[in-house]
Protein backbone atom coordinates (compact mmCIF):
# COMPACT_ATOMS: atom_id res chain seq x y z
CA MET A 1 0.21 -0.20 -0.07
CA PRO A 2 1.29 3.44 -0.89
CA LYS A 3 2.49 5.61 2.40
CA LYS A 4 0.02 8.44 3.52
CA PRO A 5 1.94 11.98 2.90
CA PRO A 6 2.49 13.37 6.21
CA SER A 7 0.13 15.46 8.05
CA GLU A 8 0.20 19.05 8.50
CA HIS A 9 1.02 18.51 12.32
CA GLN A 10 3.62 16.17 11.50
CA ILE A 11 5.18 18.46 9.40
CA ASN A 12 4.95 21.69 11.47
CA ASN A 13 6.77 19.16 14.36
CA LYS A 14 9.70 18.34 11.83
CA GLU A 15 10.10 22.61 11.33
CA THR A 16 9.86 23.46 14.85
CA LYS A 17 12.15 20.61 16.50
CA PRO A 18 15.62 22.18 15.51
CA THR A 19 14.55 25.45 17.05
CA LEU A 20 13.40 23.49 20.11
CA ASP A 21 16.79 21.88 20.02
CA TRP A 22 18.82 24.84 19.68
CA TYR A 23 16.94 26.54 22.68
CA HIS A 24 17.65 23.39 24.63
CA ARG A 25 21.16 23.32 23.80
CA PHE A 26 21.59 26.68 24.19
CA GLY A 27 19.77 26.62 27.82
CA GLN A 28 22.26 23.36 28.99
CA THR A 29 25.38 25.41 27.88
CA ILE A 30 24.52 28.26 30.09
CA LYS A 31 23.31 26.49 32.98
CA GLU A 32 26.90 23.88 32.47
CA PHE A 33 28.93 27.17 32.37
CA PHE A 34 27.56 28.39 36.05
CA VAL A 35 27.88 24.75 37.15
CA ASP A 36 31.55 24.42 36.07
CA GLN A 37 32.46 27.73 37.73
CA LYS A 38 31.75 26.74 40.81
CA LEU A 39 34.61 26.42 43.30
CA THR A 40 35.15 23.37 45.72
CA GLU A 41 34.73 23.59 49.42
CA THR A 42 38.26 23.83 49.87
CA ARG A 43 39.07 26.39 47.34
CA LYS A 44 36.48 28.26 48.53
CA GLY A 45 38.00 28.04 51.96
CA ILE A 46 41.03 29.26 50.72
CA VAL A 47 39.84 32.44 49.50
CA LEU A 48 37.78 33.34 52.63
CA ASN A 49 40.77 33.24 54.70
CA ASP A 50 42.88 35.26 51.96
CA LEU A 51 40.55 37.44 52.22
CA ILE A 52 39.68 37.57 55.82
CA ASP A 53 43.68 38.15 56.29
CA ALA A 54 43.19 41.00 53.77
CA GLY A 55 40.68 42.62 56.05
CA SER A 56 42.59 42.28 59.27
CA PRO A 57 45.64 44.61 58.13
CA GLY A 58 48.62 44.78 60.19
CA VAL A 59 51.41 47.73 59.65
CA ASP A 60 52.48 46.45 55.99
CA PHE A 61 49.03 47.32 54.79
CA PHE A 62 49.47 50.78 55.76
CA ILE A 63 53.10 51.35 54.78
CA LEU A 64 52.05 50.14 50.99
CA ILE A 65 49.21 52.43 51.25
CA VAL A 66 51.78 55.24 51.93
CA PHE A 67 54.15 54.53 48.82
CA SER A 68 51.23 54.30 46.63
CA SER A 69 49.14 57.50 48.04
CA ALA A 70 52.60 59.40 47.71
CA ILE A 71 53.46 57.94 44.03
CA ALA A 72 49.68 58.87 42.70
CA SER A 73 49.78 62.23 44.37
CA LEU A 74 53.38 62.93 42.69
CA GLY A 75 52.02 61.28 39.58
CA LEU A 76 48.68 63.67 39.93
CA ILE A 77 50.60 67.03 40.82
CA ALA A 78 53.78 66.41 37.72
CA ASP A 79 50.57 65.45 35.26
CA LEU A 80 52.24 62.31 34.67
CA SER A 81 49.72 59.46 33.72
CA VAL A 82 52.54 56.56 33.54
CA VAL A 83 53.36 57.72 37.46
CA THR A 84 49.83 57.71 38.20
CA ILE A 85 49.22 53.98 36.92
CA GLY A 86 52.36 52.78 38.97
CA ALA A 87 50.66 53.83 42.21
CA GLN A 88 47.31 51.66 41.23
CA LEU A 89 49.92 48.52 40.46
CA ILE A 90 50.33 48.66 44.39
CA ASP A 91 47.15 49.66 45.24
CA PRO A 92 46.33 47.63 48.26
CA LEU A 93 42.86 48.72 48.86
CA MET A 94 41.22 46.05 46.62
CA SER A 95 41.58 43.10 48.79
CA PRO A 96 39.47 44.81 51.69
CA ILE A 97 36.75 45.80 49.13
CA LEU A 98 36.59 42.49 47.94
CA GLY A 99 36.76 41.12 51.43
CA LEU A 100 33.41 43.41 52.08
CA ALA A 101 31.97 42.00 48.93
CA ILE A 102 32.28 38.20 50.14
CA ALA A 103 31.49 39.10 53.81
CA SER A 104 28.35 40.64 52.63
CA LEU A 105 27.23 37.75 50.57
CA SER A 106 28.41 35.07 53.15
CA GLY A 107 26.71 36.92 55.81
CA LEU A 108 30.28 36.91 57.91
CA ASN A 109 29.02 40.30 60.02
CA ARG A 110 32.94 40.51 61.72
CA MET A 111 34.81 40.35 58.24
CA PHE A 112 32.49 42.59 56.85
CA LYS A 113 32.96 45.34 59.78
CA ARG A 114 37.30 44.25 59.61
CA SER A 115 37.05 45.11 55.62
CA LEU A 116 34.93 48.12 56.02
CA ILE A 117 37.66 49.43 59.01
CA ALA A 118 40.22 48.90 56.56
CA ILE A 119 38.57 50.31 53.59
CA LEU A 120 38.00 53.50 56.12
CA GLU A 121 41.42 53.89 57.45
CA GLY A 122 43.43 53.34 54.59
CA GLY A 123 41.26 55.84 52.32
CA ALA A 124 41.67 58.23 55.19
CA LEU A 125 45.49 57.63 55.25
CA ALA A 126 45.89 57.85 51.88
CA ILE A 127 44.10 61.49 51.42
CA GLY A 128 46.04 62.73 54.29
CA VAL A 129 49.30 61.44 52.67
CA SER A 130 47.83 63.40 49.20
CA GLY A 131 47.02 66.28 51.67
CA LEU A 132 50.25 66.83 52.93
CA ILE A 133 51.93 66.10 49.74
CA SER A 134 50.16 68.67 47.56
CA PHE A 135 50.59 71.26 50.42
CA PHE A 136 54.10 71.31 50.79
CA THR A 137 55.24 70.69 47.15
CA TYR A 138 53.36 73.67 45.68
CA ARG A 139 54.79 75.93 48.75
CA LEU A 140 58.56 74.53 48.05
CA PRO A 141 61.29 77.27 47.09
CA TYR A 142 61.28 75.74 43.79
CA SER A 143 57.46 76.52 43.37
CA ILE A 144 55.61 74.43 41.00
CA HIS A 145 53.55 76.20 38.52
CA ALA A 146 50.42 77.06 40.35
CA TYR A 147 47.56 75.06 38.15
CA ILE A 148 45.56 72.53 38.01
CA PRO A 149 46.94 69.17 36.48
CA HIS A 150 44.73 67.63 33.51
CA GLU A 151 45.34 64.31 35.46
CA VAL A 152 43.74 65.56 38.71
CA MET A 153 40.97 67.23 36.65
CA LEU A 154 40.36 63.69 35.13
CA ARG A 155 39.57 62.64 38.73
CA THR A 156 36.52 65.12 39.03
CA THR A 157 34.70 63.73 36.66
CA THR A 158 32.63 60.63 36.41
CA SER A 159 30.34 59.15 33.39
CA PRO A 160 28.35 55.95 32.98
CA LEU A 161 31.81 54.33 31.20
CA ASP A 162 33.46 54.72 34.06
CA LEU A 163 30.62 52.53 36.05
CA GLY A 164 30.60 50.09 33.12
CA ILE A 165 34.60 49.56 33.60
CA ALA A 166 34.24 49.25 37.26
CA ILE A 167 31.71 47.07 37.11
CA VAL A 168 33.58 44.62 34.99
CA GLY A 169 36.83 44.97 36.62
CA GLY A 170 35.51 44.22 39.64
CA ALA A 171 33.97 41.13 38.34
CA ALA A 172 37.45 40.13 36.71
CA ALA A 173 39.05 41.31 40.50
CA ALA A 174 36.62 38.45 42.14
CA PHE A 175 37.12 36.00 39.18
CA ALA A 176 41.00 35.93 39.20
CA LEU A 177 40.84 35.99 43.25
CA ALA A 178 39.23 32.81 43.08
CA HIS A 179 41.43 30.88 40.67
CA PRO A 180 45.00 30.50 41.53
CA ARG A 181 46.13 30.06 38.13
CA LEU A 182 44.76 33.63 36.91
CA ASP A 183 46.52 35.82 39.57
CA SER A 184 48.43 37.58 36.76
CA ALA A 185 45.37 39.40 36.05
CA LEU A 186 45.02 41.35 39.11
CA PRO A 187 47.34 43.97 38.10
CA GLY A 188 45.65 44.74 35.18
CA VAL A 189 42.20 44.87 37.00
CA ALA A 190 44.26 47.55 39.49
CA ILE A 191 44.92 50.11 36.95
CA ALA A 192 41.59 49.39 35.22
CA THR A 193 39.41 50.05 38.42
CA ALA A 194 41.29 53.49 39.71
CA ILE A 195 40.74 53.63 43.73
CA MET A 196 44.03 55.35 44.60
CA PRO A 197 44.06 58.38 42.23
CA PRO A 198 40.68 59.69 43.39
CA LEU A 199 41.32 59.40 46.56
CA CYS A 200 44.48 61.18 46.23
CA THR A 201 42.62 63.94 44.11
CA ILE A 202 40.72 64.54 47.32
CA GLY A 203 43.50 65.36 49.13
CA PHE A 204 44.60 67.51 46.50
CA GLY A 205 41.11 69.56 46.73
CA ILE A 206 41.34 69.66 50.58
CA ALA A 207 45.02 71.14 50.38
CA PHE A 208 43.77 73.71 48.21
CA GLN A 209 40.16 74.35 49.63
CA ASN A 210 38.75 73.76 46.47
CA SER A 211 35.20 71.79 46.97
CA PRO A 212 34.65 71.03 43.25
CA ILE A 213 37.86 68.77 43.21
CA ILE A 214 36.74 67.35 46.62
CA LEU A 215 33.13 66.33 45.17
CA GLY A 216 33.87 65.66 42.17
CA ALA A 217 36.82 63.02 43.47
CA ILE A 218 34.34 61.81 45.86
CA LEU A 219 31.82 60.71 43.94
CA GLN A 220 34.79 58.98 41.17
CA PHE A 221 35.58 56.89 43.97
CA LEU A 222 32.17 56.03 45.35
CA THR A 223 31.17 55.27 41.65
CA ASN A 224 34.08 52.83 41.50
CA PHE A 225 33.77 51.27 45.15
CA ALA A 226 30.14 50.65 44.64
CA ALA A 227 30.62 49.14 41.18
CA ILE A 228 33.34 46.73 42.34
CA THR A 229 31.90 45.58 45.23
CA PHE A 230 28.52 44.92 43.46
CA SER A 231 30.01 42.97 40.49
CA ALA A 232 32.56 41.20 42.81
CA VAL A 233 29.16 39.94 45.10
CA VAL A 234 27.46 38.69 41.85
CA THR A 235 30.79 37.17 40.49
CA PHE A 236 31.23 35.20 44.02
CA ALA A 237 26.91 34.19 44.17
CA ILE A 238 27.86 32.58 40.55
CA LEU A 239 31.38 30.76 42.12
CA GLY A 240 29.23 29.43 44.69
CA PHE A 241 29.70 31.45 47.82
CA GLY A 242 26.41 31.67 49.78
CA PRO A 243 25.08 33.00 53.20
CA TYR A 244 26.77 30.80 56.21
CA ARG A 245 24.35 31.89 58.78
CA MET A 246 20.41 32.90 58.30
CA LYS A 247 18.44 34.02 60.93
CA LYS A 248 15.47 31.52 61.61
CA GLU A 249 12.82 33.71 59.29
CA ASN A 250 15.10 32.88 56.63
CA ASP A 251 15.82 36.46 56.25
CA LEU A 252 19.12 38.30 55.07
CA THR A 253 22.03 39.01 57.32
CA ARG A 254 22.31 42.41 59.12
CA SER A 255 25.61 43.06 56.76
CA VAL A 256 23.71 42.11 53.49
CA LEU A 257 21.23 44.91 54.69
CA ILE A 258 23.98 47.10 54.61
CA SER A 259 25.85 46.46 51.99
CA ALA A 260 22.57 46.99 49.65
CA ALA A 261 21.90 50.43 51.36
CA LEU A 262 25.33 51.42 50.77
CA LEU A 263 25.20 50.37 47.08
CA LEU A 264 21.81 52.01 46.89
CA ILE A 265 23.22 55.22 48.46
CA VAL A 266 25.49 55.59 45.78
CA ALA A 267 23.30 54.21 42.98
CA ILE A 268 21.19 57.11 43.25
CA PRO A 269 23.85 59.87 42.58
CA LEU A 270 25.11 57.97 40.16
CA ALA A 271 21.94 57.72 38.29
CA ILE A 272 21.33 61.38 38.67
CA LEU A 273 24.83 61.80 36.81
CA SER A 274 24.78 59.26 34.40
CA TRP A 275 21.07 60.84 33.22
CA SER A 276 22.55 64.40 33.50
CA THR A 277 25.83 62.97 31.69
CA VAL A 278 23.43 61.76 28.51
CA SER A 279 20.95 64.82 28.79
CA SER A 280 24.33 67.12 28.49
CA SER A 281 25.82 65.10 25.64
CA ARG A 282 22.39 64.81 23.92
CA LEU A 283 22.20 68.65 23.88
CA ASN A 284 25.78 69.27 23.02
CA ASN A 285 25.26 67.21 19.80
CA GLN A 286 21.94 68.81 19.00
CA THR A 287 23.40 72.35 19.52
CA SER A 288 26.46 71.08 17.67
CA ALA A 289 24.43 70.13 14.60
CA LEU A 290 22.13 73.61 14.42
CA ILE A 291 25.23 75.77 14.80
CA MET A 292 26.62 74.17 11.38
CA GLU A 293 23.58 74.50 9.93
CA ASN A 294 23.19 78.20 10.64
CA LEU A 295 26.78 79.06 9.56
CA PRO A 296 27.75 80.42 6.37
CA PRO A 297 28.82 77.41 4.26
CA GLU A 298 31.56 79.99 1.90
CA SER A 299 33.39 80.65 5.45
CA HIS A 300 34.54 76.63 5.55
CA PRO A 301 33.33 76.66 9.61
CA GLN A 302 34.67 74.66 11.72
CA LEU A 303 33.52 73.89 15.24
CA VAL A 304 36.47 73.70 17.58
CA ASN A 305 34.59 74.10 21.09
CA LEU A 306 30.97 74.47 22.45
CA SER A 307 30.59 75.30 26.30
CA ILE A 308 27.05 75.87 27.61
CA ASN A 309 26.50 77.44 31.46
CA ALA A 310 23.88 78.18 33.44
CA VAL A 311 24.66 81.97 34.52
CA GLU A 312 21.74 83.22 36.75
CA ASP A 313 18.19 82.76 34.86
CA MET A 314 19.72 82.05 31.41
CA LYS A 315 22.06 79.89 29.54
CA GLU A 316 25.16 81.06 27.96
CA PHE A 317 26.66 79.54 24.86
CA GLU A 318 30.48 80.09 23.97
CA VAL A 319 31.60 78.79 20.54
CA THR A 320 34.88 78.68 19.15
CA LEU A 321 34.80 78.43 15.78
CA GLN A 322 37.84 78.00 12.70
CA MET A 323 36.43 80.51 9.84
CA VAL A 324 38.11 81.75 6.59
CA ARG A 325 36.60 85.20 7.82
CA GLU A 326 34.41 86.45 10.92
CA LEU A 327 30.62 86.32 10.95
CA THR A 328 28.84 89.68 10.52
CA GLU A 329 26.64 91.12 12.66
CA SER A 330 23.24 89.85 11.05
CA GLU A 331 25.11 86.08 10.85
CA ALA A 332 25.85 86.31 14.71
CA LEU A 333 22.43 87.40 15.24
CA ASN A 334 20.69 84.71 12.88
CA LEU A 335 22.65 82.04 15.04
CA ARG A 336 21.85 83.59 18.39
CA ASP A 337 17.85 83.68 17.40
CA ALA A 338 17.86 80.00 16.29
CA LEU A 339 19.83 79.07 19.56
CA SER A 340 17.33 80.63 21.56
CA ASP A 341 14.14 78.91 19.65
CA GLN A 342 16.28 75.48 20.28
CA MET A 343 16.20 76.43 23.79
CA ASP A 344 12.85 78.41 23.99
CA GLU A 345 14.11 80.93 26.56
CA PRO A 346 16.33 84.10 26.06
CA ILE A 347 20.07 82.70 25.83
CA THR A 348 23.59 84.89 25.47
CA LEU A 349 26.00 83.74 23.03
CA LYS A 350 29.56 84.64 22.93
CA ILE A 351 31.77 83.97 19.45
CA ILE A 352 35.27 83.18 19.21
CA THR A 353 36.54 83.11 15.62
CA LEU A 354 40.12 81.76 14.77
CA PRO A 355 41.10 82.84 11.63
CA VAL A 356 41.73 80.16 8.59
CA LYS A 357 43.28 80.68 5.45
CA ILE A 358 42.89 78.19 2.87
CA ILE A 359 45.51 78.27 0.12
CA LYS A 360 44.88 76.63 -3.04
């Protein structure tokens, strides 16, 4: 007898089976990845013991803090990024931060307190050393030029990219610490996740009583600290670490609640800053495009710099242009009106023209 042709239901099953197999294989791969990353109980004990020792620092810890902060401070003052990177290589604060993360996850209250105290004491010492070096360096007889170095200014601003770098760096540090054969990756992580330079920038700002520098550096330090701690907690959880003691109500331990509260407190200004950064970048891009659209093309204009500042009740635009000729009064007024229409409010416009000569 001739075979019956397959039904529509059978055809649909054959078509969907490869798709279902693909999802199954993908899910199995993800599951195996997380299972394979979990450490043995022996290795977890070793990691915990190492971080407990790091969270209970001795004289050697504070000596390294002095060395690292001194190198970072001199690198900031001399405006040498290479020297600042060298200070990050010997940054001893990373171990207590990782200890704080694993103590939060495991519910080890004593270890949590010791790590937090080590971070606070080490940070205070670094700020003090930096403040003294900055104060005396600028007042020695050979007198360094009294200007704010570029390396210092870099530590007073924070962007969402800095947050992302710190998150990835914290995860990498926790993963490398848990695997003994990956210890060589820790110096690279220390460079990527800057902890000591922002602290030394705080000391620099205190020495010169400059509150914008102090507040900017504090925010950058808190950004890196919160991101490293959060990503380290997640990474340690994937590696199999977990609470050792729980309350009868199966509630979270006090250390977990404290660390979560600290992360939340830091996350609020970060969220505001991130939104402000994105909004500012969007405004700059839109304004730059509008400026170029309202400039005469025959003058071969190039936008060199755009600065938007809030002055009293209106915004002040400072535009630096490269052009073969200066703008006429009517062209400048048209540009001001276009910017005012975009902002939907009165503005002041300052135009700086850099002459350019085109030779054909």
